[in-house]
Amino acid sequence: MNANLLLRIAMAIILLTHSVSGMFNNGINDFGNLFLNQIGFAPYGVFLAWSIKLSHVVAAILLLVNKYIKLAGFVTIFVLIMGIVLVHFQEGWFVVGGGRNGVEYNFLLIIVLLAIMYPNGVKKNNL
């Protein structure tokens, strides 16, 4: 069994459930219209929202089939960092408990992706 198989499966489940549900309950369109367009991305908010969520679906599939892991990781990390910058940072660290909607969950996902992308650590020749 691959050393990071369980991390890849867990990450894929998280990315899929976070994305696919919004495809069927109008959540992606709402995110685009009611958030992204309102903070300055109009008229491209819905397009960006769908691009983000579809990138999560593609990344999840790539993680499951263990192909193009670094590409999937870098794209997803970029999306997560932008989420931190645009949404979560102003809410603080905690997602629940000591706060609401904070950075900690995205931080954890970024670290897990880095662990998947570099299972043997970062070496000069694999950057």
C-alpha atoms as a PDB file:
ATOM      1  CA  MET A   1       0.000   0.000   0.000  1.00  0.00           C
ATOM      2  CA  ASN A   2       1.266   3.464  -0.899  1.00  0.00           C
ATOM      3  CA  ALA A   3       2.421   5.385   2.178  1.00  0.00           C
ATOM      4  CA  ASN A   4       0.046   8.268   1.567  1.00  0.00           C
ATOM      5  CA  LEU A   5      -2.924   6.349   0.161  1.00  0.00           C
ATOM      6  CA  LEU A   6      -5.121   7.132   3.156  1.00  0.00           C
ATOM      7  CA  LEU A   7      -4.251  10.833   2.972  1.00  0.00           C
ATOM      8  CA  ARG A   8      -5.041  10.883  -0.753  1.00  0.00           C
ATOM      9  CA  ILE A   9      -8.399   9.174  -0.182  1.00  0.00           C
ATOM     10  CA  ALA A  10      -9.301  11.486   2.711  1.00  0.00           C
ATOM     11  CA  MET A  11      -8.327  14.583   0.747  1.00  0.00           C
ATOM     12  CA  ALA A  12     -10.280  13.395  -2.296  1.00  0.00           C
ATOM     13  CA  ILE A  13     -13.383  12.832  -0.157  1.00  0.00           C
ATOM     14  CA  ILE A  14     -13.069  16.305   1.358  1.00  0.00           C
ATOM     15  CA  LEU A  15     -12.597  17.982  -2.029  1.00  0.00           C
ATOM     16  CA  LEU A  16     -15.473  16.058  -3.613  1.00  0.00           C
ATOM     17  CA  THR A  17     -17.975  16.588  -0.821  1.00  0.00           C
ATOM     18  CA  HIS A  18     -17.088  20.261  -0.586  1.00  0.00           C
ATOM     19  CA  SER A  19     -17.607  20.704  -4.331  1.00  0.00           C
ATOM     20  CA  VAL A  20     -20.258  18.296  -5.546  1.00  0.00           C
ATOM     21  CA  SER A  21     -22.880  19.316  -2.992  1.00  0.00           C
ATOM     22  CA  GLY A  22     -22.755  22.911  -4.266  1.00  0.00           C
ATOM     23  CA  MET A  23     -23.377  21.682  -7.796  1.00  0.00           C
ATOM     24  CA  PHE A  24     -26.802  20.399  -6.822  1.00  0.00           C
ATOM     25  CA  ASN A  25     -28.024  22.966  -4.303  1.00  0.00           C
ATOM     26  CA  ASN A  26     -27.111  26.163  -6.184  1.00  0.00           C
ATOM     27  CA  GLY A  27     -24.287  26.762  -3.706  1.00  0.00           C
ATOM     28  CA  ILE A  28     -21.681  27.402  -6.386  1.00  0.00           C
ATOM     29  CA  ASN A  29     -23.821  29.977  -8.168  1.00  0.00           C
ATOM     30  CA  ASP A  30     -24.611  31.629  -4.833  1.00  0.00           C
ATOM     31  CA  PHE A  31     -20.909  31.733  -3.939  1.00  0.00           C
ATOM     32  CA  GLY A  32     -20.187  33.366  -7.285  1.00  0.00           C
ATOM     33  CA  ASN A  33     -23.073  35.829  -7.227  1.00  0.00           C
ATOM     34  CA  LEU A  34     -23.440  36.596  -3.541  1.00  0.00           C
ATOM     35  CA  PHE A  35     -19.785  36.591  -2.543  1.00  0.00           C
ATOM     36  CA  LEU A  36     -17.253  36.762  -5.372  1.00  0.00           C
ATOM     37  CA  ASN A  37     -19.196  39.292  -7.430  1.00  0.00           C
ATOM     38  CA  GLN A  38     -19.731  41.412  -4.312  1.00  0.00           C
ATOM     39  CA  ILE A  39     -16.031  41.602  -3.439  1.00  0.00           C
ATOM     40  CA  GLY A  40     -14.968  42.796  -6.871  1.00  0.00           C
ATOM     41  CA  PHE A  41     -14.931  39.801  -9.214  1.00  0.00           C
ATOM     42  CA  ALA A  42     -18.093  40.802 -11.114  1.00  0.00           C
ATOM     43  CA  PRO A  43     -19.071  39.806 -13.716  1.00  0.00           C
ATOM     44  CA  TYR A  44     -16.821  36.727 -13.424  1.00  0.00           C
ATOM     45  CA  GLY A  45     -17.836  35.508  -9.961  1.00  0.00           C
ATOM     46  CA  VAL A  46     -19.937  32.562 -11.102  1.00  0.00           C
ATOM     47  CA  PHE A  47     -17.304  31.509 -13.642  1.00  0.00           C
ATOM     48  CA  LEU A  48     -14.610  31.664 -10.952  1.00  0.00           C
ATOM     49  CA  ALA A  49     -16.766  29.764  -8.464  1.00  0.00           C
ATOM     50  CA  TRP A  50     -17.358  26.964 -10.969  1.00  0.00           C
ATOM     51  CA  SER A  51     -13.671  26.946 -11.932  1.00  0.00           C
ATOM     52  CA  ILE A  52     -12.678  26.555  -8.285  1.00  0.00           C
ATOM     53  CA  LYS A  53     -15.118  23.743  -7.613  1.00  0.00           C
ATOM     54  CA  LEU A  54     -14.332  21.898 -10.845  1.00  0.00           C
ATOM     55  CA  SER A  55     -10.620  22.164 -10.034  1.00  0.00           C
ATOM     56  CA  HIS A  56     -11.398  20.449  -6.720  1.00  0.00           C
ATOM     57  CA  VAL A  57     -13.205  17.627  -8.522  1.00  0.00           C
ATOM     58  CA  VAL A  58     -10.332  17.148 -10.975  1.00  0.00           C
ATOM     59  CA  ALA A  59      -7.794  17.268  -8.127  1.00  0.00           C
ATOM     60  CA  ALA A  60      -9.774  14.656  -6.190  1.00  0.00           C
ATOM     61  CA  ILE A  61      -9.808  12.305  -9.168  1.00  0.00           C
ATOM     62  CA  LEU A  62      -6.085  12.819  -9.737  1.00  0.00           C
ATOM     63  CA  LEU A  63      -5.389  12.098  -6.072  1.00  0.00           C
ATOM     64  CA  LEU A  64      -7.428   8.896  -6.239  1.00  0.00           C
ATOM     65  CA  VAL A  65      -5.672   7.627  -9.365  1.00  0.00           C
ATOM     66  CA  ASN A  66      -2.289   8.854  -8.078  1.00  0.00           C
ATOM     67  CA  LYS A  67      -1.486  10.854 -11.223  1.00  0.00           C
ATOM     68  CA  TYR A  68      -0.251  14.446 -11.598  1.00  0.00           C
ATOM     69  CA  ILE A  69      -0.207  14.769  -7.816  1.00  0.00           C
ATOM     70  CA  LYS A  70       2.003  17.861  -7.701  1.00  0.00           C
ATOM     71  CA  LEU A  71      -0.082  19.694 -10.297  1.00  0.00           C
ATOM     72  CA  ALA A  72      -3.291  18.864  -8.430  1.00  0.00           C
ATOM     73  CA  GLY A  73      -1.656  19.874  -5.172  1.00  0.00           C
ATOM     74  CA  PHE A  74      -0.297  23.206  -6.401  1.00  0.00           C
ATOM     75  CA  VAL A  75      -3.621  24.233  -7.956  1.00  0.00           C
ATOM     76  CA  THR A  76      -5.556  23.258  -4.843  1.00  0.00           C
ATOM     77  CA  ILE A  77      -3.076  24.952  -2.531  1.00  0.00           C
ATOM     78  CA  PHE A  78      -3.399  28.138  -4.586  1.00  0.00           C
ATOM     79  CA  VAL A  79      -7.198  28.009  -4.234  1.00  0.00           C
ATOM     80  CA  LEU A  80      -6.905  27.362  -0.489  1.00  0.00           C
ATOM     81  CA  ILE A  81      -4.465  30.250  -0.015  1.00  0.00           C
ATOM     82  CA  MET A  82      -6.791  32.574  -1.914  1.00  0.00           C
ATOM     83  CA  GLY A  83      -9.613  31.382   0.350  1.00  0.00           C
ATOM     84  CA  ILE A  84      -7.487  32.283   3.354  1.00  0.00           C
ATOM     85  CA  VAL A  85      -6.690  35.719   1.941  1.00  0.00           C
ATOM     86  CA  LEU A  86     -10.209  36.590   0.768  1.00  0.00           C
ATOM     87  CA  VAL A  87     -12.377  34.905   3.392  1.00  0.00           C
ATOM     88  CA  HIS A  88     -10.826  33.161   6.355  1.00  0.00           C
ATOM     89  CA  PHE A  89      -7.979  35.394   7.539  1.00  0.00           C
ATOM     90  CA  GLN A  90     -10.295  38.149   8.715  1.00  0.00           C
ATOM     91  CA  GLU A  91     -12.174  35.572  10.789  1.00  0.00           C
ATOM     92  CA  GLY A  92      -9.072  34.504  12.738  1.00  0.00           C
ATOM     93  CA  TRP A  93      -7.595  31.063  13.285  1.00  0.00           C
ATOM     94  CA  PHE A  94     -10.469  28.886  14.551  1.00  0.00           C
ATOM     95  CA  VAL A  95     -13.149  27.335  12.371  1.00  0.00           C
ATOM     96  CA  VAL A  96     -15.313  26.580  15.419  1.00  0.00           C
ATOM     97  CA  GLY A  97     -14.902  26.884  19.150  1.00  0.00           C
ATOM     98  CA  GLY A  98     -12.679  29.920  19.605  1.00  0.00           C
ATOM     99  CA  GLY A  99     -14.098  31.568  16.498  1.00  0.00           C
ATOM    100  CA  ARG A 100     -15.958  30.906  13.260  1.00  0.00           C
ATOM    101  CA  ASN A 101     -14.829  30.313   9.658  1.00  0.00           C
ATOM    102  CA  GLY A 102     -11.134  30.821  10.423  1.00  0.00           C
ATOM    103  CA  VAL A 103      -7.912  29.712   8.781  1.00  0.00           C
ATOM    104  CA  GLU A 104      -7.141  26.446  10.596  1.00  0.00           C
ATOM    105  CA  TYR A 105      -8.998  24.073   8.254  1.00  0.00           C
ATOM    106  CA  ASN A 106      -7.388  25.461   5.092  1.00  0.00           C
ATOM    107  CA  PHE A 107      -4.015  25.395   6.851  1.00  0.00           C
ATOM    108  CA  LEU A 108      -4.458  21.700   7.662  1.00  0.00           C
ATOM    109  CA  LEU A 109      -5.527  20.890   4.088  1.00  0.00           C
ATOM    110  CA  ILE A 110      -2.461  22.696   2.716  1.00  0.00           C
ATOM    111  CA  ILE A 111      -0.143  20.726   5.014  1.00  0.00           C
ATOM    112  CA  VAL A 112      -1.802  17.430   4.052  1.00  0.00           C
ATOM    113  CA  LEU A 113      -1.418  18.281   0.361  1.00  0.00           C
ATOM    114  CA  LEU A 114       2.258  19.097   0.890  1.00  0.00           C
ATOM    115  CA  ALA A 115       2.729  15.764   2.692  1.00  0.00           C
ATOM    116  CA  ILE A 116       1.094  13.977  -0.248  1.00  0.00           C
ATOM    117  CA  MET A 117       3.118  15.906  -2.820  1.00  0.00           C
ATOM    118  CA  TYR A 118       6.432  15.375  -1.008  1.00  0.00           C
ATOM    119  CA  PRO A 119       6.148  12.081   0.925  1.00  0.00           C
ATOM    120  CA  ASN A 120       9.937  11.913   1.358  1.00  0.00           C
ATOM    121  CA  GLY A 121      10.362  15.578   2.205  1.00  0.00           C
ATOM    122  CA  VAL A 122      11.486  18.387  -0.008  1.00  0.00           C
ATOM    123  CA  LYS A 123      14.784  17.815  -1.774  1.00  0.00           C
ATOM    124  CA  LYS A 124      16.548  20.127  -4.138  1.00  0.00           C
ATOM    125  CA  ASN A 125      15.887  17.862  -7.141  1.00  0.00           C
ATOM    126  CA  ASN A 126      12.110  17.402  -6.587  1.00  0.00           C
ATOM    127  CA  LEU A 127      11.016  21.013  -6.358  1.00  0.00           C
END
